[in-house]
Every structure is written in structure tokens, then in C-alpha cells.
Amino acid sequence: MTSHLYRFFPALEGLEIRVSAGSVADALAELNQLAPNFSDYILDDTGALRRHVNLCINNELIVDRKKLSDQLGDEDTLYIFQALTGG
């Protein structure tokens, strides 16, 4: 996660968080159990990824920003960061 997110969820800072392989949605649900309301910060009210948040599996942006159905393997890394916008 980017350092900006740790400002809101300091208990996660410095942790290597391991979750079960499955969909990105499954991984975020597990992460939300460790840090309640985490999903509210990165997902909109429909459960889709917010516009200014990007998720990558290893080095690739996820494809499904609405249902978060991209699959994570046992050795994959999910990166969570805010997209840069503006001029």
C-alpha cells in the first residue's frame, strides 16, 4: 500500500499481509477484517474500485474494476495505491 493509506490505517504499516488466493474482491474482504472500513476507503457504494485508486497484481493493473474478479495466485502480490490525477 502507498504510505498515504497508512495514515488512515496505521495498524497495517510495516506488515506483510497474507490472504487466501482467490479473487481481488476476496482478498479485500479479508483485508477489511484486519482493518475495518478499509474497503470503504478504496471502493465506492456499488463495490467497484474508486476512480482514484489502482490495484495491481504483481506488475499488471487489474482488469475488472467493477466486480474485482481478477484472480490472485498463491505467490502473487496485490499492490494498492492511489492514482495520480490533476495537471
PDB file of N, CA and C in Angstrom:
ATOM      1  N   MET A   1       0.841  -1.177   0.000  1.00  0.00           N
ATOM      2  CA  MET A   1       0.000   0.000   0.000  1.00  0.00           C
ATOM      3  C   MET A   1       0.883   1.236   0.000  1.00  0.00           C
ATOM      4  N   THR A   2       0.369   2.293  -0.545  1.00  0.00           N
ATOM      5  CA  THR A   2       1.102   3.546  -0.510  1.00  0.00           C
ATOM      6  C   THR A   2       1.072   4.120   0.899  1.00  0.00           C
ATOM      7  N   SER A   3       2.050   4.930   1.210  1.00  0.00           N
ATOM      8  CA  SER A   3       2.162   5.484   2.562  1.00  0.00           C
ATOM      9  C   SER A   3       0.949   6.321   2.937  1.00  0.00           C
ATOM     10  N   HIS A   4       0.290   6.917   1.964  1.00  0.00           N
ATOM     11  CA  HIS A   4      -0.899   7.721   2.258  1.00  0.00           C
ATOM     12  C   HIS A   4      -1.987   6.885   2.935  1.00  0.00           C
ATOM     13  N   LEU A   5      -2.152   5.656   2.524  1.00  0.00           N
ATOM     14  CA  LEU A   5      -3.184   4.802   3.114  1.00  0.00           C
ATOM     15  C   LEU A   5      -2.885   4.455   4.566  1.00  0.00           C
ATOM     16  N   TYR A   6      -1.598   4.381   4.917  1.00  0.00           N
ATOM     17  CA  TYR A   6      -1.244   4.067   6.298  1.00  0.00           C
ATOM     18  C   TYR A   6      -1.669   5.176   7.265  1.00  0.00           C
ATOM     19  N   ARG A   7      -1.827   6.365   6.759  1.00  0.00           N
ATOM     20  CA  ARG A   7      -2.300   7.466   7.610  1.00  0.00           C
ATOM     21  C   ARG A   7      -3.685   7.139   8.170  1.00  0.00           C
ATOM     22  N   PHE A   8      -4.490   6.464   7.373  1.00  0.00           N
ATOM     23  CA  PHE A   8      -5.843   6.098   7.798  1.00  0.00           C
ATOM     24  C   PHE A   8      -5.890   4.742   8.500  1.00  0.00           C
ATOM     25  N   PHE A   9      -4.900   3.885   8.219  1.00  0.00           N
ATOM     26  CA  PHE A   9      -4.868   2.534   8.778  1.00  0.00           C
ATOM     27  C   PHE A   9      -3.469   2.237   9.321  1.00  0.00           C
ATOM     28  N   PRO A  10      -3.055   2.950  10.370  1.00  0.00           N
ATOM     29  CA  PRO A  10      -1.676   2.804  10.876  1.00  0.00           C
ATOM     30  C   PRO A  10      -1.357   1.412  11.399  1.00  0.00           C
ATOM     31  N   ALA A  11      -2.356   0.649  11.803  1.00  0.00           N
ATOM     32  CA  ALA A  11      -2.102  -0.704  12.325  1.00  0.00           C
ATOM     33  C   ALA A  11      -1.554  -1.636  11.250  1.00  0.00           C
ATOM     34  N   LEU A  12      -1.721  -1.289   9.984  1.00  0.00           N
ATOM     35  CA  LEU A  12      -1.244  -2.130   8.886  1.00  0.00           C
ATOM     36  C   LEU A  12       0.187  -1.803   8.465  1.00  0.00           C
ATOM     37  N   GLU A  13       0.711  -0.682   8.916  1.00  0.00           N
ATOM     38  CA  GLU A  13       2.029  -0.237   8.470  1.00  0.00           C
ATOM     39  C   GLU A  13       3.111  -1.227   8.887  1.00  0.00           C
ATOM     40  N   GLY A  14       3.962  -1.558   7.925  1.00  0.00           N
ATOM     41  CA  GLY A  14       5.079  -2.450   8.186  1.00  0.00           C
ATOM     42  C   GLY A  14       4.724  -3.930   8.171  1.00  0.00           C
ATOM     43  N   LEU A  15       3.456  -4.257   7.986  1.00  0.00           N
ATOM     44  CA  LEU A  15       3.044  -5.660   7.976  1.00  0.00           C
ATOM     45  C   LEU A  15       3.109  -6.235   6.568  1.00  0.00           C
ATOM     46  N   GLU A  16       3.506  -7.480   6.470  1.00  0.00           N
ATOM     47  CA  GLU A  16       3.329  -8.220   5.225  1.00  0.00           C
ATOM     48  C   GLU A  16       2.062  -9.019   5.428  1.00  0.00           C
ATOM     49  N   ILE A  17       1.013  -8.639   4.735  1.00  0.00           N
ATOM     50  CA  ILE A  17      -0.301  -9.236   4.946  1.00  0.00           C
ATOM     51  C   ILE A  17      -0.499 -10.352   3.934  1.00  0.00           C
ATOM     52  N   ARG A  18      -0.814 -11.515   4.430  1.00  0.00           N
ATOM     53  CA  ARG A  18      -1.081 -12.672   3.566  1.00  0.00           C
ATOM     54  C   ARG A  18      -2.564 -13.009   3.646  1.00  0.00           C
ATOM     55  N   VAL A  19      -3.152 -13.205   2.477  1.00  0.00           N
ATOM     56  CA  VAL A  19      -4.560 -13.599   2.396  1.00  0.00           C
ATOM     57  C   VAL A  19      -4.659 -14.819   1.501  1.00  0.00           C
ATOM     58  N   SER A  20      -5.791 -15.486   1.551  1.00  0.00           N
ATOM     59  CA  SER A  20      -6.015 -16.664   0.719  1.00  0.00           C
ATOM     60  C   SER A  20      -6.046 -16.266  -0.753  1.00  0.00           C
ATOM     61  N   ALA A  21      -5.555 -17.168  -1.604  1.00  0.00           N
ATOM     62  CA  ALA A  21      -5.674 -16.943  -3.042  1.00  0.00           C
ATOM     63  C   ALA A  21      -7.152 -16.961  -3.402  1.00  0.00           C
ATOM     64  N   GLY A  22      -7.494 -16.236  -4.401  1.00  0.00           N
ATOM     65  CA  GLY A  22      -8.884 -16.121  -4.851  1.00  0.00           C
ATOM     66  C   GLY A  22      -9.012 -14.840  -5.641  1.00  0.00           C
ATOM     67  N   SER A  23     -10.173 -14.260  -5.635  1.00  0.00           N
ATOM     68  CA  SER A  23     -10.378 -13.025  -6.383  1.00  0.00           C
ATOM     69  C   SER A  23      -9.856 -11.827  -5.589  1.00  0.00           C
ATOM     70  N   VAL A  24      -9.682 -10.737  -6.291  1.00  0.00           N
ATOM     71  CA  VAL A  24      -9.294  -9.489  -5.636  1.00  0.00           C
ATOM     72  C   VAL A  24     -10.364  -9.106  -4.615  1.00  0.00           C
ATOM     73  N   ALA A  25     -11.629  -9.307  -4.950  1.00  0.00           N
ATOM     74  CA  ALA A  25     -12.717  -8.999  -4.011  1.00  0.00           C
ATOM     75  C   ALA A  25     -12.566  -9.814  -2.727  1.00  0.00           C
ATOM     76  N   ASP A  26     -12.205 -11.089  -2.850  1.00  0.00           N
ATOM     77  CA  ASP A  26     -11.993 -11.933  -1.670  1.00  0.00           C
ATOM     78  C   ASP A  26     -10.835 -11.406  -0.815  1.00  0.00           C
ATOM     79  N   ALA A  27      -9.745 -11.020  -1.484  1.00  0.00           N
ATOM     80  CA  ALA A  27      -8.579 -10.504  -0.759  1.00  0.00           C
ATOM     81  C   ALA A  27      -8.925  -9.222  -0.015  1.00  0.00           C
ATOM     82  N   LEU A  28      -9.678  -8.336  -0.656  1.00  0.00           N
ATOM     83  CA  LEU A  28     -10.057  -7.086   0.004  1.00  0.00           C
ATOM     84  C   LEU A  28     -10.999  -7.328   1.168  1.00  0.00           C
ATOM     85  N   ALA A  29     -11.860  -8.329   1.055  1.00  0.00           N
ATOM     86  CA  ALA A  29     -12.754  -8.668   2.168  1.00  0.00           C
ATOM     87  C   ALA A  29     -11.933  -9.148   3.367  1.00  0.00           C
ATOM     88  N   GLU A  30     -10.902  -9.946   3.121  1.00  0.00           N
ATOM     89  CA  GLU A  30     -10.035 -10.404   4.213  1.00  0.00           C
ATOM     90  C   GLU A  30      -9.271  -9.227   4.822  1.00  0.00           C
ATOM     91  N   LEU A  31      -8.777  -8.343   3.975  1.00  0.00           N
ATOM     92  CA  LEU A  31      -8.061  -7.176   4.453  1.00  0.00           C
ATOM     93  C   LEU A  31      -8.981  -6.277   5.281  1.00  0.00           C
ATOM     94  N   ASN A  32     -10.214  -6.176   4.858  1.00  0.00           N
ATOM     95  CA  ASN A  32     -11.193  -5.360   5.584  1.00  0.00           C
ATOM     96  C   ASN A  32     -11.461  -5.923   6.982  1.00  0.00           C
ATOM     97  N   GLN A  33     -11.317  -7.223   7.173  1.00  0.00           N
ATOM     98  CA  GLN A  33     -11.471  -7.810   8.507  1.00  0.00           C
ATOM     99  C   GLN A  33     -10.315  -7.404   9.412  1.00  0.00           C
ATOM    100  N   LEU A  34      -9.119  -7.244   8.839  1.00  0.00           N
ATOM    101  CA  LEU A  34      -7.960  -6.807   9.618  1.00  0.00           C
ATOM    102  C   LEU A  34      -8.017  -5.313   9.935  1.00  0.00           C
ATOM    103  N   ALA A  35      -8.552  -4.554   9.004  1.00  0.00           N
ATOM    104  CA  ALA A  35      -8.644  -3.093   9.149  1.00  0.00           C
ATOM    105  C   ALA A  35     -10.061  -2.673   8.773  1.00  0.00           C
ATOM    106  N   PRO A  36     -10.987  -2.729   9.738  1.00  0.00           N
ATOM    107  CA  PRO A  36     -12.379  -2.373   9.442  1.00  0.00           C
ATOM    108  C   PRO A  36     -12.486  -1.020   8.736  1.00  0.00           C
ATOM    109  N   ASN A  37     -13.358  -0.974   7.761  1.00  0.00           N
ATOM    110  CA  ASN A  37     -13.638   0.206   6.928  1.00  0.00           C
ATOM    111  C   ASN A  37     -12.598   0.445   5.844  1.00  0.00           C
ATOM    112  N   PHE A  38     -11.602  -0.427   5.724  1.00  0.00           N
ATOM    113  CA  PHE A  38     -10.610  -0.262   4.674  1.00  0.00           C
ATOM    114  C   PHE A  38     -11.278  -0.267   3.299  1.00  0.00           C
ATOM    115  N   SER A  39     -12.173  -1.211   3.075  1.00  0.00           N
ATOM    116  CA  SER A  39     -12.843  -1.305   1.779  1.00  0.00           C
ATOM    117  C   SER A  39     -13.647  -0.052   1.467  1.00  0.00           C
ATOM    118  N   ASP A  40     -14.212   0.565   2.488  1.00  0.00           N
ATOM    119  CA  ASP A  40     -14.979   1.798   2.267  1.00  0.00           C
ATOM    120  C   ASP A  40     -14.098   2.905   1.694  1.00  0.00           C
ATOM    121  N   TYR A  41     -12.832   2.872   2.033  1.00  0.00           N
ATOM    122  CA  TYR A  41     -11.923   3.902   1.561  1.00  0.00           C
ATOM    123  C   TYR A  41     -11.547   3.712   0.097  1.00  0.00           C
ATOM    124  N   ILE A  42     -11.441   2.467  -0.369  1.00  0.00           N
ATOM    125  CA  ILE A  42     -10.987   2.247  -1.745  1.00  0.00           C
ATOM    126  C   ILE A  42     -12.098   1.817  -2.709  1.00  0.00           C
ATOM    127  N   LEU A  43     -13.273   1.434  -2.170  1.00  0.00           N
ATOM    128  CA  LEU A  43     -14.395   1.021  -3.015  1.00  0.00           C
ATOM    129  C   LEU A  43     -15.541   2.013  -2.899  1.00  0.00           C
ATOM    130  N   ASP A  44     -16.291   2.169  -3.981  1.00  0.00           N
ATOM    131  CA  ASP A  44     -17.457   3.053  -3.926  1.00  0.00           C
ATOM    132  C   ASP A  44     -18.662   2.308  -3.362  1.00  0.00           C
ATOM    133  N   ASP A  45     -19.822   2.960  -3.353  1.00  0.00           N
ATOM    134  CA  ASP A  45     -21.008   2.358  -2.736  1.00  0.00           C
ATOM    135  C   ASP A  45     -21.577   1.182  -3.525  1.00  0.00           C
ATOM    136  N   THR A  46     -21.080   0.943  -4.751  1.00  0.00           N
ATOM    137  CA  THR A  46     -21.518  -0.222  -5.526  1.00  0.00           C
ATOM    138  C   THR A  46     -20.532  -1.385  -5.394  1.00  0.00           C
ATOM    139  N   GLY A  47     -19.427  -1.153  -4.686  1.00  0.00           N
ATOM    140  CA  GLY A  47     -18.403  -2.185  -4.532  1.00  0.00           C
ATOM    141  C   GLY A  47     -17.332  -2.147  -5.597  1.00  0.00           C
ATOM    142  N   ALA A  48     -17.408  -1.171  -6.498  1.00  0.00           N
ATOM    143  CA  ALA A  48     -16.393  -1.017  -7.546  1.00  0.00           C
ATOM    144  C   ALA A  48     -15.224  -0.194  -7.006  1.00  0.00           C
ATOM    145  N   LEU A  49     -14.083  -0.352  -7.639  1.00  0.00           N
ATOM    146  CA  LEU A  49     -12.905   0.397  -7.247  1.00  0.00           C
ATOM    147  C   LEU A  49     -13.125   1.883  -7.503  1.00  0.00           C
ATOM    148  N   ARG A  50     -12.779   2.711  -6.524  1.00  0.00           N
ATOM    149  CA  ARG A  50     -12.914   4.153  -6.698  1.00  0.00           C
ATOM    150  C   ARG A  50     -12.011   4.635  -7.834  1.00  0.00           C
ATOM    151  N   ARG A  51     -12.407   5.719  -8.445  1.00  0.00           N
ATOM    152  CA  ARG A  51     -11.728   6.261  -9.622  1.00  0.00           C
ATOM    153  C   ARG A  51     -10.249   6.543  -9.369  1.00  0.00           C
ATOM    154  N   HIS A  52      -9.912   7.032  -8.199  1.00  0.00           N
ATOM    155  CA  HIS A  52      -8.543   7.454  -7.919  1.00  0.00           C
ATOM    156  C   HIS A  52      -7.726   6.408  -7.171  1.00  0.00           C
ATOM    157  N   VAL A  53      -8.138   5.146  -7.298  1.00  0.00           N
ATOM    158  CA  VAL A  53      -7.403   4.041  -6.677  1.00  0.00           C
ATOM    159  C   VAL A  53      -7.071   3.029  -7.776  1.00  0.00           C
ATOM    160  N   ASN A  54      -5.858   2.518  -7.737  1.00  0.00           N
ATOM    161  CA  ASN A  54      -5.457   1.470  -8.673  1.00  0.00           C
ATOM    162  C   ASN A  54      -4.999   0.255  -7.891  1.00  0.00           C
ATOM    163  N   LEU A  55      -5.259  -0.909  -8.450  1.00  0.00           N
ATOM    164  CA  LEU A  55      -4.795  -2.171  -7.887  1.00  0.00           C
ATOM    165  C   LEU A  55      -4.000  -2.898  -8.963  1.00  0.00           C
ATOM    166  N   CYS A  56      -2.881  -3.472  -8.562  1.00  0.00           N
ATOM    167  CA  CYS A  56      -2.062  -4.271  -9.475  1.00  0.00           C
ATOM    168  C   CYS A  56      -1.840  -5.638  -8.858  1.00  0.00           C
ATOM    169  N   ILE A  57      -1.886  -6.646  -9.690  1.00  0.00           N
ATOM    170  CA  ILE A  57      -1.442  -7.980  -9.300  1.00  0.00           C
ATOM    171  C   ILE A  57      -0.061  -8.125  -9.919  1.00  0.00           C
ATOM    172  N   ASN A  58       0.924  -8.234  -9.048  1.00  0.00           N
ATOM    173  CA  ASN A  58       2.324  -8.225  -9.470  1.00  0.00           C
ATOM    174  C   ASN A  58       2.583  -6.924 -10.238  1.00  0.00           C
ATOM    175  N   ASN A  59       2.825  -6.981 -11.528  1.00  0.00           N
ATOM    176  CA  ASN A  59       3.135  -5.767 -12.292  1.00  0.00           C
ATOM    177  C   ASN A  59       2.027  -5.348 -13.247  1.00  0.00           C
ATOM    178  N   GLU A  60       0.832  -5.930 -13.107  1.00  0.00           N
ATOM    179  CA  GLU A  60      -0.249  -5.661 -14.053  1.00  0.00           C
ATOM    180  C   GLU A  60      -1.455  -5.050 -13.344  1.00  0.00           C
ATOM    181  N   LEU A  61      -1.997  -3.961 -13.915  1.00  0.00           N
ATOM    182  CA  LEU A  61      -3.234  -3.398 -13.380  1.00  0.00           C
ATOM    183  C   LEU A  61      -4.345  -4.432 -13.487  1.00  0.00           C
ATOM    184  N   ILE A  62      -5.228  -4.454 -12.501  1.00  0.00           N
ATOM    185  CA  ILE A  62      -6.353  -5.381 -12.605  1.00  0.00           C
ATOM    186  C   ILE A  62      -7.245  -4.946 -13.759  1.00  0.00           C
ATOM    187  N   VAL A  63      -7.973  -5.897 -14.317  1.00  0.00           N
ATOM    188  CA  VAL A  63      -8.835  -5.630 -15.460  1.00  0.00           C
ATOM    189  C   VAL A  63     -10.249  -5.259 -14.993  1.00  0.00           C
ATOM    190  N   ASP A  64     -10.769  -6.007 -14.046  1.00  0.00           N
ATOM    191  CA  ASP A  64     -12.156  -5.846 -13.605  1.00  0.00           C
ATOM    192  C   ASP A  64     -12.245  -4.895 -12.410  1.00  0.00           C
ATOM    193  N   ARG A  65     -12.462  -3.625 -12.698  1.00  0.00           N
ATOM    194  CA  ARG A  65     -12.563  -2.607 -11.641  1.00  0.00           C
ATOM    195  C   ARG A  65     -13.944  -2.571 -10.999  1.00  0.00           C
ATOM    196  N   LYS A  66     -14.930  -3.241 -11.595  1.00  0.00           N
ATOM    197  CA  LYS A  66     -16.294  -3.214 -11.057  1.00  0.00           C
ATOM    198  C   LYS A  66     -16.566  -4.360 -10.094  1.00  0.00           C
ATOM    199  N   LYS A  67     -16.278  -5.585 -10.510  1.00  0.00           N
ATOM    200  CA  LYS A  67     -16.578  -6.742  -9.663  1.00  0.00           C
ATOM    201  C   LYS A  67     -15.342  -7.304  -8.977  1.00  0.00           C
ATOM    202  N   LEU A  68     -14.168  -6.804  -9.374  1.00  0.00           N
ATOM    203  CA  LEU A  68     -12.898  -7.216  -8.765  1.00  0.00           C
ATOM    204  C   LEU A  68     -12.694  -8.729  -8.840  1.00  0.00           C
ATOM    205  N   SER A  69     -13.003  -9.284 -10.010  1.00  0.00           N
ATOM    206  CA  SER A  69     -12.953 -10.733 -10.187  1.00  0.00           C
ATOM    207  C   SER A  69     -11.585 -11.257 -10.609  1.00  0.00           C
ATOM    208  N   ASP A  70     -10.611 -10.378 -10.871  1.00  0.00           N
ATOM    209  CA  ASP A  70      -9.267 -10.842 -11.215  1.00  0.00           C
ATOM    210  C   ASP A  70      -8.796 -11.805 -10.129  1.00  0.00           C
ATOM    211  N   GLN A  71      -8.106 -12.862 -10.538  1.00  0.00           N
ATOM    212  CA  GLN A  71      -7.701 -13.912  -9.608  1.00  0.00           C
ATOM    213  C   GLN A  71      -6.254 -13.730  -9.141  1.00  0.00           C
ATOM    214  N   LEU A  72      -6.045 -14.004  -7.869  1.00  0.00           N
ATOM    215  CA  LEU A  72      -4.715 -13.981  -7.259  1.00  0.00           C
ATOM    216  C   LEU A  72      -4.246 -15.412  -7.059  1.00  0.00           C
ATOM    217  N   GLY A  73      -3.010 -15.667  -7.433  1.00  0.00           N
ATOM    218  CA  GLY A  73      -2.400 -16.959  -7.154  1.00  0.00           C
ATOM    219  C   GLY A  73      -1.734 -16.944  -5.787  1.00  0.00           C
ATOM    220  N   ASP A  74      -1.276 -18.104  -5.339  1.00  0.00           N
ATOM    221  CA  ASP A  74      -0.667 -18.232  -4.016  1.00  0.00           C
ATOM    222  C   ASP A  74       0.551 -17.335  -3.818  1.00  0.00           C
ATOM    223  N   GLU A  75       1.308 -17.096  -4.864  1.00  0.00           N
ATOM    224  CA  GLU A  75       2.547 -16.306  -4.747  1.00  0.00           C
ATOM    225  C   GLU A  75       2.419 -14.895  -5.304  1.00  0.00           C
ATOM    226  N   ASP A  76       1.217 -14.479  -5.689  1.00  0.00           N
ATOM    227  CA  ASP A  76       1.014 -13.145  -6.249  1.00  0.00           C
ATOM    228  C   ASP A  76       1.034 -12.079  -5.160  1.00  0.00           C
ATOM    229  N   THR A  77       1.342 -10.857  -5.574  1.00  0.00           N
ATOM    230  CA  THR A  77       1.305  -9.703  -4.686  1.00  0.00           C
ATOM    231  C   THR A  77       0.280  -8.719  -5.216  1.00  0.00           C
ATOM    232  N   LEU A  78      -0.588  -8.249  -4.336  1.00  0.00           N
ATOM    233  CA  LEU A  78      -1.587  -7.237  -4.681  1.00  0.00           C
ATOM    234  C   LEU A  78      -1.094  -5.904  -4.164  1.00  0.00           C
ATOM    235  N   TYR A  79      -0.926  -4.954  -5.078  1.00  0.00           N
ATOM    236  CA  TYR A  79      -0.491  -3.595  -4.725  1.00  0.00           C
ATOM    237  C   TYR A  79      -1.696  -2.680  -4.762  1.00  0.00           C
ATOM    238  N   ILE A  80      -1.806  -1.832  -3.754  1.00  0.00           N
ATOM    239  CA  ILE A  80      -2.914  -0.894  -3.634  1.00  0.00           C
ATOM    240  C   ILE A  80      -2.322   0.506  -3.566  1.00  0.00           C
ATOM    241  N   PHE A  81      -2.728   1.360  -4.512  1.00  0.00           N
ATOM    242  CA  PHE A  81      -2.201   2.720  -4.480  1.00  0.00           C
ATOM    243  C   PHE A  81      -3.195   3.692  -5.106  1.00  0.00           C
ATOM    244  N   GLN A  82      -3.023   4.940  -4.735  1.00  0.00           N
ATOM    245  CA  GLN A  82      -3.869   5.975  -5.278  1.00  0.00           C
ATOM    246  C   GLN A  82      -3.315   6.407  -6.615  1.00  0.00           C
ATOM    247  N   ALA A  83      -4.228   6.618  -7.564  1.00  0.00           N
ATOM    248  CA  ALA A  83      -3.823   7.113  -8.868  1.00  0.00           C
ATOM    249  C   ALA A  83      -3.530   8.610  -8.757  1.00  0.00           C
ATOM    250  N   LEU A  84      -2.594   9.069  -9.539  1.00  0.00           N
ATOM    251  CA  LEU A  84      -2.284  10.493  -9.568  1.00  0.00           C
ATOM    252  C   LEU A  84      -3.167  11.164 -10.624  1.00  0.00           C
ATOM    253  N   THR A  85      -3.786  12.253 -10.242  1.00  0.00           N
ATOM    254  CA  THR A  85      -4.617  12.987 -11.176  1.00  0.00           C
ATOM    255  C   THR A  85      -4.273  14.465 -11.066  1.00  0.00           C
ATOM    256  N   GLY A  86      -4.784  15.204 -11.972  1.00  0.00           N
ATOM    257  CA  GLY A  86      -4.569  16.644 -11.923  1.00  0.00           C
ATOM    258  C   GLY A  86      -3.653  17.085 -13.048  1.00  0.00           C
ATOM    259  N   GLY A  87      -3.293  18.343 -13.025  1.00  0.00           N
ATOM    260  CA  GLY A  87      -2.490  18.878 -14.108  1.00  0.00           C
ATOM    261  C   GLY A  87      -1.191  19.418 -13.646  1.00  0.00           C
TER     262      GLY A  87
END
